[in-house]
PDB file of N, CA and C in Angstrom:
ATOM      1  N   MET A   1     109.347  99.191  98.255  1.00  0.00           N
ATOM      2  CA  MET A   1     108.908  97.864  97.410  1.00  0.00           C
ATOM      3  C   MET A   1     108.402  97.029  98.993  1.00  0.00           C
ATOM      4  N   THR A   2     107.244  96.447  99.055  1.00  0.00           N
ATOM      5  CA  THR A   2     106.624  95.502 100.009  1.00  0.00           C
ATOM      6  C   THR A   2     107.279  94.357 100.024  1.00  0.00           C
ATOM      7  N   SER A   3     107.761  93.836 101.060  1.00  0.00           N
ATOM      8  CA  SER A   3     108.420  92.492 100.953  1.00  0.00           C
ATOM      9  C   SER A   3     107.266  91.532 101.105  1.00  0.00           C
ATOM     10  N   GLU A   4     107.413  90.032 100.441  1.00  0.00           N
ATOM     11  CA  GLU A   4     106.568  89.136 100.546  1.00  0.00           C
ATOM     12  C   GLU A   4     106.114  88.866 101.844  1.00  0.00           C
ATOM     13  N   PRO A   5     106.824  88.568 102.968  1.00  0.00           N
ATOM     14  CA  PRO A   5     106.225  88.310 104.218  1.00  0.00           C
ATOM     15  C   PRO A   5     105.683  89.486 104.773  1.00  0.00           C
ATOM     16  N   ALA A   6     105.857  90.645 104.394  1.00  0.00           N
ATOM     17  CA  ALA A   6     105.114  91.805 105.005  1.00  0.00           C
ATOM     18  C   ALA A   6     103.644  92.118 104.458  1.00  0.00           C
ATOM     19  N   ARG A   7     103.735  91.926 103.200  1.00  0.00           N
ATOM     20  CA  ARG A   7     102.433  91.730 102.293  1.00  0.00           C
ATOM     21  C   ARG A   7     101.471  90.455 102.934  1.00  0.00           C
ATOM     22  N   ASN A   8     102.020  89.306 103.082  1.00  0.00           N
ATOM     23  CA  ASN A   8     101.182  88.234 103.559  1.00  0.00           C
ATOM     24  C   ASN A   8     100.591  88.638 104.796  1.00  0.00           C
ATOM     25  N   SER A   9     101.657  89.269 105.788  1.00  0.00           N
ATOM     26  CA  SER A   9     101.295  89.638 107.138  1.00  0.00           C
ATOM     27  C   SER A   9      99.889  90.594 107.208  1.00  0.00           C
ATOM     28  N   ALA A  10     100.170  91.556 106.496  1.00  0.00           N
ATOM     29  CA  ALA A  10      99.127  92.561 106.195  1.00  0.00           C
ATOM     30  C   ALA A  10      97.806  92.204 105.746  1.00  0.00           C
ATOM     31  N   LEU A  11      98.002  91.265 104.743  1.00  0.00           N
ATOM     32  CA  LEU A  11      96.776  90.768 104.252  1.00  0.00           C
ATOM     33  C   LEU A  11      96.187  89.617 105.156  1.00  0.00           C
ATOM     34  N   HIS A  12      96.842  88.921 106.010  1.00  0.00           N
ATOM     35  CA  HIS A  12      96.363  87.904 107.286  1.00  0.00           C
ATOM     36  C   HIS A  12      95.651  88.883 108.148  1.00  0.00           C
ATOM     37  N   ALA A  13      96.122  89.944 108.567  1.00  0.00           N
ATOM     38  CA  ALA A  13      95.763  90.784 109.380  1.00  0.00           C
ATOM     39  C   ALA A  13      94.538  91.492 109.122  1.00  0.00           C
ATOM     40  N   LEU A  14      94.341  91.828 107.902  1.00  0.00           N
ATOM     41  CA  LEU A  14      93.077  92.500 107.280  1.00  0.00           C
ATOM     42  C   LEU A  14      91.977  91.472 107.251  1.00  0.00           C
ATOM     43  N   THR A  15      92.243  90.179 106.454  1.00  0.00           N
ATOM     44  CA  THR A  15      91.105  89.182 106.631  1.00  0.00           C
ATOM     45  C   THR A  15      90.858  88.737 107.971  1.00  0.00           C
ATOM     46  N   ALA A  16      91.639  88.707 108.739  1.00  0.00           N
ATOM     47  CA  ALA A  16      91.205  87.993 110.115  1.00  0.00           C
ATOM     48  C   ALA A  16      90.693  89.159 110.792  1.00  0.00           C
ATOM     49  N   GLN A  17      90.838  90.418 110.824  1.00  0.00           N
ATOM     50  CA  GLN A  17      89.748  91.532 111.650  1.00  0.00           C
ATOM     51  C   GLN A  17      88.471  91.659 110.835  1.00  0.00           C
ATOM     52  N   VAL A  18      88.534  91.410 109.486  1.00  0.00           N
ATOM     53  CA  VAL A  18      87.156  91.415 108.875  1.00  0.00           C
ATOM     54  C   VAL A  18      86.345  90.355 109.275  1.00  0.00           C
ATOM     55  N   GLN A  19      87.083  89.088 109.083  1.00  0.00           N
ATOM     56  CA  GLN A  19      86.317  87.841 109.745  1.00  0.00           C
ATOM     57  C   GLN A  19      85.904  87.870 111.126  1.00  0.00           C
ATOM     58  N   SER A  20      86.603  88.590 111.903  1.00  0.00           N
ATOM     59  CA  SER A  20      86.208  88.689 113.305  1.00  0.00           C
ATOM     60  C   SER A  20      85.068  89.914 113.664  1.00  0.00           C
ATOM     61  N   ILE A  21      84.684  90.671 112.705  1.00  0.00           N
ATOM     62  CA  ILE A  21      83.785  91.276 112.513  1.00  0.00           C
ATOM     63  C   ILE A  21      82.422  91.031 112.286  1.00  0.00           C
ATOM     64  N   ILE A  22      82.838  90.290 110.792  1.00  0.00           N
ATOM     65  CA  ILE A  22      81.607  89.239 110.522  1.00  0.00           C
ATOM     66  C   ILE A  22      80.938  88.307 111.353  1.00  0.00           C
ATOM     67  N   ASP A  23      82.253  87.445 112.158  1.00  0.00           N
ATOM     68  CA  ASP A  23      81.539  86.556 113.070  1.00  0.00           C
ATOM     69  C   ASP A  23      80.819  87.160 114.434  1.00  0.00           C
ATOM     70  N   GLY A  24      81.180  88.226 114.849  1.00  0.00           N
ATOM     71  CA  GLY A  24      80.651  88.968 115.714  1.00  0.00           C
ATOM     72  C   GLY A  24      79.014  89.610 115.255  1.00  0.00           C
ATOM     73  N   GLY A  25      78.691  89.381 114.105  1.00  0.00           N
ATOM     74  CA  GLY A  25      77.271  89.809 113.704  1.00  0.00           C
ATOM     75  C   GLY A  25      77.384  91.509 113.782  1.00  0.00           C
ATOM     76  N   ARG A  26      78.330  92.133 113.541  1.00  0.00           N
ATOM     77  CA  ARG A  26      78.295  93.498 113.542  1.00  0.00           C
ATOM     78  C   ARG A  26      77.264  93.911 112.049  1.00  0.00           C
ATOM     79  N   ILE A  27      77.705  93.292 111.188  1.00  0.00           N
ATOM     80  CA  ILE A  27      77.232  93.893 110.158  1.00  0.00           C
ATOM     81  C   ILE A  27      76.056  92.834 109.436  1.00  0.00           C
ATOM     82  N   GLY A  28      75.695  91.974 110.003  1.00  0.00           N
ATOM     83  CA  GLY A  28      74.746  91.032 109.750  1.00  0.00           C
ATOM     84  C   GLY A  28      75.536  90.154 108.385  1.00  0.00           C
ATOM     85  N   ALA A  29      75.001  89.194 107.833  1.00  0.00           N
ATOM     86  CA  ALA A  29      75.453  88.231 106.805  1.00  0.00           C
ATOM     87  C   ALA A  29      76.146  89.203 105.585  1.00  0.00           C
ATOM     88  N   PRO A  30      77.235  88.824 105.293  1.00  0.00           N
ATOM     89  CA  PRO A  30      77.833  89.727 104.207  1.00  0.00           C
ATOM     90  C   PRO A  30      77.281  89.311 102.798  1.00  0.00           C
ATOM     91  N   VAL A  31      76.903  90.367 102.067  1.00  0.00           N
ATOM     92  CA  VAL A  31      76.299  90.297 100.894  1.00  0.00           C
ATOM     93  C   VAL A  31      76.965  90.709  99.725  1.00  0.00           C
ATOM     94  N   PHE A  32      78.078  91.657  99.779  1.00  0.00           N
ATOM     95  CA  PHE A  32      78.530  92.171  98.758  1.00  0.00           C
ATOM     96  C   PHE A  32      79.889  92.613  99.242  1.00  0.00           C
ATOM     97  N   VAL A  33      81.386  92.356  98.326  1.00  0.00           N
ATOM     98  CA  VAL A  33      82.427  93.149  98.560  1.00  0.00           C
ATOM     99  C   VAL A  33      82.810  93.668  97.340  1.00  0.00           C
ATOM    100  N   ARG A  34      83.565  94.850  97.808  1.00  0.00           N
ATOM    101  CA  ARG A  34      84.260  95.475  96.736  1.00  0.00           C
ATOM    102  C   ARG A  34      85.853  95.637  97.094  1.00  0.00           C
ATOM    103  N   TRP A  35      86.769  95.012  96.386  1.00  0.00           N
ATOM    104  CA  TRP A  35      87.893  94.945  96.661  1.00  0.00           C
ATOM    105  C   TRP A  35      88.931  95.515  95.464  1.00  0.00           C
ATOM    106  N   THR A  36      89.681  96.540  95.691  1.00  0.00           N
ATOM    107  CA  THR A  36      90.700  97.261  94.947  1.00  0.00           C
ATOM    108  C   THR A  36      91.975  97.223  95.711  1.00  0.00           C
ATOM    109  N   ALA A  37      92.890  96.555  95.087  1.00  0.00           N
ATOM    110  CA  ALA A  37      94.457  96.353  95.155  1.00  0.00           C
ATOM    111  C   ALA A  37      95.316  97.146  94.429  1.00  0.00           C
ATOM    112  N   ARG A  38      95.976  97.819  95.057  1.00  0.00           N
ATOM    113  CA  ARG A  38      97.033  98.602  94.763  1.00  0.00           C
ATOM    114  C   ARG A  38      98.163  97.908  94.837  1.00  0.00           C
ATOM    115  N   ILE A  39      98.984  97.345  93.797  1.00  0.00           N
ATOM    116  CA  ILE A  39      99.827  96.317  93.940  1.00  0.00           C
ATOM    117  C   ILE A  39     101.571  97.247  93.302  1.00  0.00           C
ATOM    118  N   PRO A  40     102.526  96.465  93.845  1.00  0.00           N
ATOM    119  CA  PRO A  40     103.839  96.898  93.131  1.00  0.00           C
ATOM    120  C   PRO A  40     103.880  96.721  91.896  1.00  0.00           C
ATOM    121  N   PRO A  41     104.503  97.512  90.963  1.00  0.00           N
ATOM    122  CA  PRO A  41     104.638  97.311  89.591  1.00  0.00           C
ATOM    123  C   PRO A  41     105.136  96.018  88.997  1.00  0.00           C
ATOM    124  N   GLU A  42     106.067  95.269  89.902  1.00  0.00           N
ATOM    125  CA  GLU A  42     106.752  94.049  89.620  1.00  0.00           C
ATOM    126  C   GLU A  42     105.946  92.945  89.786  1.00  0.00           C
ATOM    127  N   ARG A  43     104.622  93.226  90.644  1.00  0.00           N
ATOM    128  CA  ARG A  43     103.632  92.155  90.861  1.00  0.00           C
ATOM    129  C   ARG A  43     102.491  91.837  89.864  1.00  0.00           C
ATOM    130  N   HIS A  44     101.979  90.351  89.603  1.00  0.00           N
ATOM    131  CA  HIS A  44     101.339  90.522  88.584  1.00  0.00           C
ATOM    132  C   HIS A  44      99.873  90.647  89.129  1.00  0.00           C
ATOM    133  N   ALA A  45      98.837  90.911  88.450  1.00  0.00           N
ATOM    134  CA  ALA A  45      97.473  91.329  89.048  1.00  0.00           C
ATOM    135  C   ALA A  45      96.872  90.199  89.307  1.00  0.00           C
ATOM    136  N   ASP A  46      97.027  89.106  88.637  1.00  0.00           N
ATOM    137  CA  ASP A  46      96.225  87.924  88.797  1.00  0.00           C
ATOM    138  C   ASP A  46      96.530  87.036  89.997  1.00  0.00           C
ATOM    139  N   ASP A  47      97.688  87.120  90.670  1.00  0.00           N
ATOM    140  CA  ASP A  47      98.034  86.618  91.839  1.00  0.00           C
ATOM    141  C   ASP A  47      97.284  87.586  92.956  1.00  0.00           C
ATOM    142  N   ALA A  48      97.476  88.975  92.813  1.00  0.00           N
ATOM    143  CA  ALA A  48      96.741  89.652  93.855  1.00  0.00           C
ATOM    144  C   ALA A  48      95.008  89.201  93.734  1.00  0.00           C
ATOM    145  N   VAL A  49      94.744  89.243  92.498  1.00  0.00           N
ATOM    146  CA  VAL A  49      92.982  88.716  92.487  1.00  0.00           C
ATOM    147  C   VAL A  49      92.877  87.593  93.271  1.00  0.00           C
ATOM    148  N   GLY A  50      93.552  86.399  92.678  1.00  0.00           N
ATOM    149  CA  GLY A  50      93.458  85.362  93.347  1.00  0.00           C
ATOM    150  C   GLY A  50      93.436  85.343  94.932  1.00  0.00           C
ATOM    151  N   GLU A  51      94.524  85.960  95.753  1.00  0.00           N
ATOM    152  CA  GLU A  51      94.473  86.303  96.771  1.00  0.00           C
ATOM    153  C   GLU A  51      93.133  86.944  97.423  1.00  0.00           C
ATOM    154  N   ALA A  52      92.600  87.836  96.693  1.00  0.00           N
ATOM    155  CA  ALA A  52      91.407  88.322  97.291  1.00  0.00           C
ATOM    156  C   ALA A  52      90.251  87.484  97.141  1.00  0.00           C
ATOM    157  N   VAL A  53      90.173  86.589  96.243  1.00  0.00           N
ATOM    158  CA  VAL A  53      88.901  85.611  96.083  1.00  0.00           C
ATOM    159  C   VAL A  53      89.208  84.646  97.005  1.00  0.00           C
ATOM    160  N   ALA A  54      90.169  84.465  97.453  1.00  0.00           N
ATOM    161  CA  ALA A  54      90.565  83.244  98.550  1.00  0.00           C
ATOM    162  C   ALA A  54      89.934  83.955  99.674  1.00  0.00           C
ATOM    163  N   ALA A  55      90.500  85.264 100.093  1.00  0.00           N
ATOM    164  CA  ALA A  55      90.000  85.703 101.264  1.00  0.00           C
ATOM    165  C   ALA A  55      88.314  85.900 101.324  1.00  0.00           C
ATOM    166  N   VAL A  56      87.544  86.615 100.190  1.00  0.00           N
ATOM    167  CA  VAL A  56      86.448  86.668  99.951  1.00  0.00           C
ATOM    168  C   VAL A  56      85.633  85.578 100.305  1.00  0.00           C
ATOM    169  N   ALA A  57      85.791  84.249  99.671  1.00  0.00           N
ATOM    170  CA  ALA A  57      85.485  83.072  99.932  1.00  0.00           C
ATOM    171  C   ALA A  57      85.404  82.545 101.502  1.00  0.00           C
ATOM    172  N   GLN A  58      86.465  82.924 102.039  1.00  0.00           N
ATOM    173  CA  GLN A  58      86.343  82.955 103.450  1.00  0.00           C
ATOM    174  C   GLN A  58      85.178  83.547 104.482  1.00  0.00           C
ATOM    175  N   TRP A  59      85.358  84.790 104.087  1.00  0.00           N
ATOM    176  CA  TRP A  59      84.231  85.545 104.474  1.00  0.00           C
ATOM    177  C   TRP A  59      82.652  85.110 104.243  1.00  0.00           C
ATOM    178  N   PHE A  60      82.735  84.692 103.118  1.00  0.00           N
ATOM    179  CA  PHE A  60      81.437  84.162 102.681  1.00  0.00           C
ATOM    180  C   PHE A  60      81.051  82.567 103.149  1.00  0.00           C
ATOM    181  N   ALA A  61      82.001  81.896 103.497  1.00  0.00           N
ATOM    182  CA  ALA A  61      82.161  80.616 103.877  1.00  0.00           C
ATOM    183  C   ALA A  61      81.682  79.697 102.973  1.00  0.00           C
ATOM    184  N   ASP A  62      82.313  79.828 101.762  1.00  0.00           N
ATOM    185  CA  ASP A  62      81.893  78.911 100.639  1.00  0.00           C
ATOM    186  C   ASP A  62      82.770  79.559  99.282  1.00  0.00           C
ATOM    187  N   GLN A  63      83.091  78.726  98.345  1.00  0.00           N
ATOM    188  CA  GLN A  63      83.771  78.955  97.157  1.00  0.00           C
ATOM    189  C   GLN A  63      82.775  79.482  96.184  1.00  0.00           C
ATOM    190  N   PRO A  64      83.041  80.705  95.258  1.00  0.00           N
ATOM    191  CA  PRO A  64      82.303  81.130  94.440  1.00  0.00           C
ATOM    192  C   PRO A  64      81.632  79.946  93.359  1.00  0.00           C
ATOM    193  N   GLN A  65      80.465  80.384  93.203  1.00  0.00           N
ATOM    194  CA  GLN A  65      79.794  79.486  92.256  1.00  0.00           C
ATOM    195  C   GLN A  65      80.107  79.620  90.734  1.00  0.00           C
ATOM    196  N   GLN A  66      80.220  81.044  90.450  1.00  0.00           N
ATOM    197  CA  GLN A  66      80.733  81.559  89.142  1.00  0.00           C
ATOM    198  C   GLN A  66      81.861  82.766  89.205  1.00  0.00           C
ATOM    199  N   VAL A  67      82.868  82.798  88.504  1.00  0.00           N
ATOM    200  CA  VAL A  67      83.748  83.689  88.458  1.00  0.00           C
ATOM    201  C   VAL A  67      83.944  84.099  87.113  1.00  0.00           C
ATOM    202  N   HIS A  68      84.006  85.462  86.822  1.00  0.00           N
ATOM    203  CA  HIS A  68      84.054  85.918  85.551  1.00  0.00           C
ATOM    204  C   HIS A  68      85.233  86.904  85.329  1.00  0.00           C
ATOM    205  N   GLN A  69      86.143  86.531  84.602  1.00  0.00           N
ATOM    206  CA  GLN A  69      87.433  87.486  84.607  1.00  0.00           C
ATOM    207  C   GLN A  69      87.614  88.053  83.081  1.00  0.00           C
ATOM    208  N   PRO A  70      87.142  89.179  82.865  1.00  0.00           N
ATOM    209  CA  PRO A  70      87.442  89.770  81.586  1.00  0.00           C
ATOM    210  C   PRO A  70      88.861  89.696  81.413  1.00  0.00           C
ATOM    211  N   GLY A  71      89.058  89.799  80.096  1.00  0.00           N
ATOM    212  CA  GLY A  71      90.799  90.046  79.792  1.00  0.00           C
ATOM    213  C   GLY A  71      91.514  91.229  80.142  1.00  0.00           C
ATOM    214  N   GLY A  72      92.380  90.860  80.916  1.00  0.00           N
ATOM    215  CA  GLY A  72      93.310  91.690  81.418  1.00  0.00           C
ATOM    216  C   GLY A  72      94.808  91.772  80.998  1.00  0.00           C
ATOM    217  N   SER A  73      95.754  92.131  81.882  1.00  0.00           N
ATOM    218  CA  SER A  73      97.135  92.050  81.430  1.00  0.00           C
ATOM    219  C   SER A  73      97.877  91.758  82.550  1.00  0.00           C
ATOM    220  N   PRO A  74      99.135  91.507  82.715  1.00  0.00           N
ATOM    221  CA  PRO A  74      99.692  91.292  83.608  1.00  0.00           C
ATOM    222  C   PRO A  74      99.625  92.120  84.934  1.00  0.00           C
ATOM    223  N   ARG A  75      99.759  93.363  84.407  1.00  0.00           N
ATOM    224  CA  ARG A  75      99.422  94.661  85.393  1.00  0.00           C
ATOM    225  C   ARG A  75      98.168  94.856  85.964  1.00  0.00           C
ATOM    226  N   HIS A  76      97.071  94.544  85.130  1.00  0.00           N
ATOM    227  CA  HIS A  76      95.762  94.869  85.587  1.00  0.00           C
ATOM    228  C   HIS A  76      94.681  93.780  85.396  1.00  0.00           C
ATOM    229  N   ALA A  77      93.846  93.189  86.431  1.00  0.00           N
ATOM    230  CA  ALA A  77      93.017  91.977  86.470  1.00  0.00           C
ATOM    231  C   ALA A  77      91.764  92.854  87.184  1.00  0.00           C
ATOM    232  N   SER A  78      90.541  91.857  86.852  1.00  0.00           N
ATOM    233  CA  SER A  78      89.454  92.243  87.705  1.00  0.00           C
ATOM    234  C   SER A  78      88.501  90.818  87.743  1.00  0.00           C
ATOM    235  N   VAL A  79      87.646  90.629  88.661  1.00  0.00           N
ATOM    236  CA  VAL A  79      86.877  89.415  88.707  1.00  0.00           C
ATOM    237  C   VAL A  79      85.495  89.982  89.117  1.00  0.00           C
ATOM    238  N   HIS A  80      84.557  89.460  88.800  1.00  0.00           N
ATOM    239  CA  HIS A  80      82.967  89.461  89.469  1.00  0.00           C
ATOM    240  C   HIS A  80      82.982  87.937  89.829  1.00  0.00           C
ATOM    241  N   ALA A  81      82.692  87.818  91.266  1.00  0.00           N
ATOM    242  CA  ALA A  81      82.467  86.369  91.511  1.00  0.00           C
ATOM    243  C   ALA A  81      80.912  86.532  92.270  1.00  0.00           C
ATOM    244  N   ARG A  82      80.180  85.300  92.087  1.00  0.00           N
ATOM    245  CA  ARG A  82      78.887  84.976  92.516  1.00  0.00           C
ATOM    246  C   ARG A  82      78.931  83.720  93.289  1.00  0.00           C
ATOM    247  N   TRP A  83      78.178  84.062  94.313  1.00  0.00           N
ATOM    248  CA  TRP A  83      78.121  82.728  95.419  1.00  0.00           C
ATOM    249  C   TRP A  83      76.675  82.156  95.051  1.00  0.00           C
ATOM    250  N   ALA A  84      76.392  81.021  95.443  1.00  0.00           N
ATOM    251  CA  ALA A  84      75.256  80.133  95.169  1.00  0.00           C
ATOM    252  C   ALA A  84      74.147  81.084  95.928  1.00  0.00           C
ATOM    253  N   ASN A  85      74.457  81.540  97.187  1.00  0.00           N
ATOM    254  CA  ASN A  85      73.391  82.233  98.233  1.00  0.00           C
ATOM    255  C   ASN A  85      73.047  83.832  97.537  1.00  0.00           C
ATOM    256  N   GLY A  86      73.320  84.390  96.252  1.00  0.00           N
ATOM    257  CA  GLY A  86      73.377  85.524  95.674  1.00  0.00           C
ATOM    258  C   GLY A  86      74.382  86.589  96.249  1.00  0.00           C
ATOM    259  N   ALA A  87      75.172  86.210  97.393  1.00  0.00           N
ATOM    260  CA  ALA A  87      76.348  87.277  97.463  1.00  0.00           C
ATOM    261  C   ALA A  87      77.206  87.350  96.218  1.00  0.00           C
ATOM    262  N   ALA A  88      77.979  88.388  96.140  1.00  0.00           N
ATOM    263  CA  ALA A  88      78.836  88.586  94.987  1.00  0.00           C
ATOM    264  C   ALA A  88      80.195  89.633  95.295  1.00  0.00           C
ATOM    265  N   ALA A  89      81.191  89.449  94.580  1.00  0.00           N
ATOM    266  CA  ALA A  89      82.200  90.430  94.930  1.00  0.00           C
ATOM    267  C   ALA A  89      82.819  90.821  93.391  1.00  0.00           C
ATOM    268  N   LEU A  90      83.285  92.139  93.740  1.00  0.00           N
ATOM    269  CA  LEU A  90      83.722  92.752  92.335  1.00  0.00           C
ATOM    270  C   LEU A  90      85.143  92.968  93.128  1.00  0.00           C
ATOM    271  N   ILE A  91      86.079  92.508  92.377  1.00  0.00           N
ATOM    272  CA  ILE A  91      87.579  92.627  92.891  1.00  0.00           C
ATOM    273  C   ILE A  91      88.498  93.160  91.449  1.00  0.00           C
ATOM    274  N   ALA A  92      89.495  94.041  91.904  1.00  0.00           N
ATOM    275  CA  ALA A  92      90.283  94.723  90.707  1.00  0.00           C
ATOM    276  C   ALA A  92      91.470  94.763  91.341  1.00  0.00           C
ATOM    277  N   ALA A  93      92.593  94.752  90.621  1.00  0.00           N
ATOM    278  CA  ALA A  93      94.074  94.813  90.845  1.00  0.00           C
ATOM    279  C   ALA A  93      94.639  95.648  89.757  1.00  0.00           C
ATOM    280  N   GLY A  94      95.537  96.469  90.334  1.00  0.00           N
ATOM    281  CA  GLY A  94      96.366  97.020  89.490  1.00  0.00           C
ATOM    282  C   GLY A  94      97.793  97.761  90.046  1.00  0.00           C
ATOM    283  N   PRO A  95      98.580  98.308  89.036  1.00  0.00           N
ATOM    284  CA  PRO A  95      99.692  99.208  89.673  1.00  0.00           C
ATOM    285  C   PRO A  95      99.465 100.427  90.626  1.00  0.00           C
ATOM    286  N   CYS A  96     100.094 100.291  91.814  1.00  0.00           N
ATOM    287  CA  CYS A  96      99.921 101.871  92.372  1.00  0.00           C
ATOM    288  C   CYS A  96     100.777 102.948  91.702  1.00  0.00           C
ATOM    289  N   LEU A  97     100.430 104.118  91.573  1.00  0.00           N
ATOM    290  CA  LEU A  97     100.825 105.365  90.912  1.00  0.00           C
ATOM    291  C   LEU A  97     102.244 105.714  91.703  1.00  0.00           C
ATOM    292  N   PRO A  98     103.121 105.939  90.882  1.00  0.00           N
ATOM    293  CA  PRO A  98     104.612 106.582  91.123  1.00  0.00           C
ATOM    294  C   PRO A  98     104.282 107.237  92.459  1.00  0.00           C
ATOM    295  N   GLY A  99     105.185 107.077  93.621  1.00  0.00           N
ATOM    296  CA  GLY A  99     105.086 107.854  94.683  1.00  0.00           C
ATOM    297  C   GLY A  99     104.022 107.733  95.642  1.00  0.00           C
ATOM    298  N   SER A 100     103.174 106.459  95.342  1.00  0.00           N
ATOM    299  CA  SER A 100     102.233 106.198  96.364  1.00  0.00           C
ATOM    300  C   SER A 100     102.527 104.777  96.819  1.00  0.00           C
ATOM    301  N   ARG A 101     101.849 104.245  97.859  1.00  0.00           N
ATOM    302  CA  ARG A 101     102.143 103.061  98.513  1.00  0.00           C
ATOM    303  C   ARG A 101     101.214 101.813  98.136  1.00  0.00           C
ATOM    304  N   PRO A 102     101.561 100.767  98.025  1.00  0.00           N
ATOM    305  CA  PRO A 102     100.705  99.473  97.649  1.00  0.00           C
ATOM    306  C   PRO A 102      99.602  99.305  98.706  1.00  0.00           C
ATOM    307  N   GLY A 103      98.317  98.946  98.575  1.00  0.00           N
ATOM    308  CA  GLY A 103      97.469  98.966  99.637  1.00  0.00           C
ATOM    309  C   GLY A 103      96.374  98.114  99.172  1.00  0.00           C
ATOM    310  N   ILE A 104      95.325  97.740 100.039  1.00  0.00           N
ATOM    311  CA  ILE A 104      94.074  97.411  99.585  1.00  0.00           C
ATOM    312  C   ILE A 104      92.867  98.132 100.332  1.00  0.00           C
ATOM    313  N   ASP A 105      91.855  98.572  99.551  1.00  0.00           N
ATOM    314  CA  ASP A 105      90.742  99.240  99.700  1.00  0.00           C
ATOM    315  C   ASP A 105      89.904  98.137  99.863  1.00  0.00           C
ATOM    316  N   VAL A 106      88.939  98.005 100.866  1.00  0.00           N
ATOM    317  CA  VAL A 106      87.917  97.012 100.796  1.00  0.00           C
ATOM    318  C   VAL A 106      86.568  97.503 101.547  1.00  0.00           C
ATOM    319  N   ALA A 107      85.400  97.122 100.718  1.00  0.00           N
ATOM    320  CA  ALA A 107      84.261  97.564 101.684  1.00  0.00           C
ATOM    321  C   ALA A 107      83.419  96.297 101.328  1.00  0.00           C
ATOM    322  N   VAL A 108      82.903  95.981 102.673  1.00  0.00           N
ATOM    323  CA  VAL A 108      82.081  94.685 103.237  1.00  0.00           C
ATOM    324  C   VAL A 108      80.549  95.306 103.216  1.00  0.00           C
ATOM    325  N   PHE A 109      79.928  94.854 102.457  1.00  0.00           N
ATOM    326  CA  PHE A 109      78.518  95.346 102.851  1.00  0.00           C
ATOM    327  C   PHE A 109      77.538  94.138 103.244  1.00  0.00           C
ATOM    328  N   GLY A 110      77.065  94.335 104.644  1.00  0.00           N
ATOM    329  CA  GLY A 110      76.343  93.141 105.034  1.00  0.00           C
ATOM    330  C   GLY A 110      74.693  93.592 105.209  1.00  0.00           C
ATOM    331  N   ALA A 111      73.834  92.435 105.798  1.00  0.00           N
ATOM    332  CA  ALA A 111      72.616  92.712 105.595  1.00  0.00           C
ATOM    333  C   ALA A 111      72.377  93.798 106.376  1.00  0.00           C
ATOM    334  N   THR A 112      72.974  94.225 107.587  1.00  0.00           N
ATOM    335  CA  THR A 112      72.415  95.443 108.422  1.00  0.00           C
ATOM    336  C   THR A 112      73.701  96.257 108.691  1.00  0.00           C
ATOM    337  N   GLY A 113      74.616  96.159 107.826  1.00  0.00           N
ATOM    338  CA  GLY A 113      75.783  97.247 107.866  1.00  0.00           C
ATOM    339  C   GLY A 113      76.825  97.151 107.164  1.00  0.00           C
ATOM    340  N   ALA A 114      77.929  97.938 107.315  1.00  0.00           N
ATOM    341  CA  ALA A 114      79.033  97.827 105.988  1.00  0.00           C
ATOM    342  C   ALA A 114      80.391  98.108 106.914  1.00  0.00           C
ATOM    343  N   ILE A 115      81.534  97.662 106.411  1.00  0.00           N
ATOM    344  CA  ILE A 115      82.901  98.161 107.025  1.00  0.00           C
ATOM    345  C   ILE A 115      83.521  98.401 105.743  1.00  0.00           C
ATOM    346  N   TYR A 116      84.411  99.379 105.955  1.00  0.00           N
ATOM    347  CA  TYR A 116      85.450  99.680 104.980  1.00  0.00           C
ATOM    348  C   TYR A 116      86.846  99.747 105.585  1.00  0.00           C
ATOM    349  N   HIS A 117      87.603  99.236 104.512  1.00  0.00           N
ATOM    350  CA  HIS A 117      89.110  99.349 104.875  1.00  0.00           C
ATOM    351  C   HIS A 117      89.705 100.551 103.612  1.00  0.00           C
ATOM    352  N   ASP A 118      90.456 101.437 104.171  1.00  0.00           N
ATOM    353  CA  ASP A 118      90.932 102.214 103.251  1.00  0.00           C
ATOM    354  C   ASP A 118      92.270 102.234 103.181  1.00  0.00           C
ATOM    355  N   GLY A 119      92.699 101.151 103.589  1.00  0.00           N
ATOM    356  CA  GLY A 119      94.426 100.897 103.390  1.00  0.00           C
ATOM    357  C   GLY A 119      94.834 101.203 104.607  1.00  0.00           C
ATOM    358  N   GLN A 120      94.268 101.746 105.487  1.00  0.00           N
ATOM    359  CA  GLN A 120      95.025 102.343 106.605  1.00  0.00           C
ATOM    360  C   GLN A 120      93.945 101.601 107.874  1.00  0.00           C
ATOM    361  N   ALA A 121      92.889 101.764 107.773  1.00  0.00           N
ATOM    362  CA  ALA A 121      91.922 101.366 109.208  1.00  0.00           C
ATOM    363  C   ALA A 121      90.441 101.012 108.493  1.00  0.00           C
ATOM    364  N   ILE A 122      89.834 100.166 109.460  1.00  0.00           N
ATOM    365  CA  ILE A 122      88.425  99.457 109.207  1.00  0.00           C
ATOM    366  C   ILE A 122      87.578 100.593 110.004  1.00  0.00           C
ATOM    367  N   ARG A 123      86.556 100.993 108.980  1.00  0.00           N
ATOM    368  CA  ARG A 123      85.371 101.942 109.727  1.00  0.00           C
ATOM    369  C   ARG A 123      84.065 101.258 109.484  1.00  0.00           C
ATOM    370  N   ARG A 124      83.155 101.354 110.479  1.00  0.00           N
ATOM    371  CA  ARG A 124      81.797 100.623 110.146  1.00  0.00           C
ATOM    372  C   ARG A 124      80.964 101.842 109.921  1.00  0.00           C
ATOM    373  N   LEU A 125      79.719 101.604 109.244  1.00  0.00           N
ATOM    374  CA  LEU A 125      78.836 102.315 108.877  1.00  0.00           C
ATOM    375  C   LEU A 125      77.450 101.557 109.042  1.00  0.00           C
ATOM    376  N   ASP A 126      76.693 102.202 109.877  1.00  0.00           N
ATOM    377  CA  ASP A 126      75.441 101.153 110.171  1.00  0.00           C
ATOM    378  C   ASP A 126      74.292 102.010 108.842  1.00  0.00           C
ATOM    379  N   LEU A 127      73.747 101.095 108.082  1.00  0.00           N
ATOM    380  CA  LEU A 127      72.914 101.039 107.119  1.00  0.00           C
ATOM    381  C   LEU A 127      71.606 101.576 107.807  1.00  0.00           C
ATOM    382  N   GLN A 128      70.868 102.541 107.014  1.00  0.00           N
ATOM    383  CA  GLN A 128      69.574 102.743 107.643  1.00  0.00           C
ATOM    384  C   GLN A 128      68.509 102.192 106.817  1.00  0.00           C
ATOM    385  N   VAL A 129      67.527 101.380 107.411  1.00  0.00           N
ATOM    386  CA  VAL A 129      66.544 100.829 106.449  1.00  0.00           C
ATOM    387  C   VAL A 129      65.293 101.566 106.614  1.00  0.00           C
TER     388      VAL A 129
END
């Protein structure tokens, strides 16, 4: 089980690292984020999705203009959020499988590149136009 302080610390480290890459101009302006959270079974999915929307809003430097959240359950939730500038995010959270660890997979697509976090490390991919 991941403790609350450890989870918050890991989330803060991830969001700060992505923000640093965005601020450095390494991927251009972010235009789309795909975020998948594998959460402990006792955690509510809506809480994890709310944290993700807040992090993505920070990366896009604005609050979403539209948020669509189809019906879910305490264990599964998803959100499609859109920003006024056309940026969007697809965010999902659900319980991790037995024997696996909670974590976050994130892909941030920018105007000139993309970065991926697979729960362990961030990798950059240059987009060929």
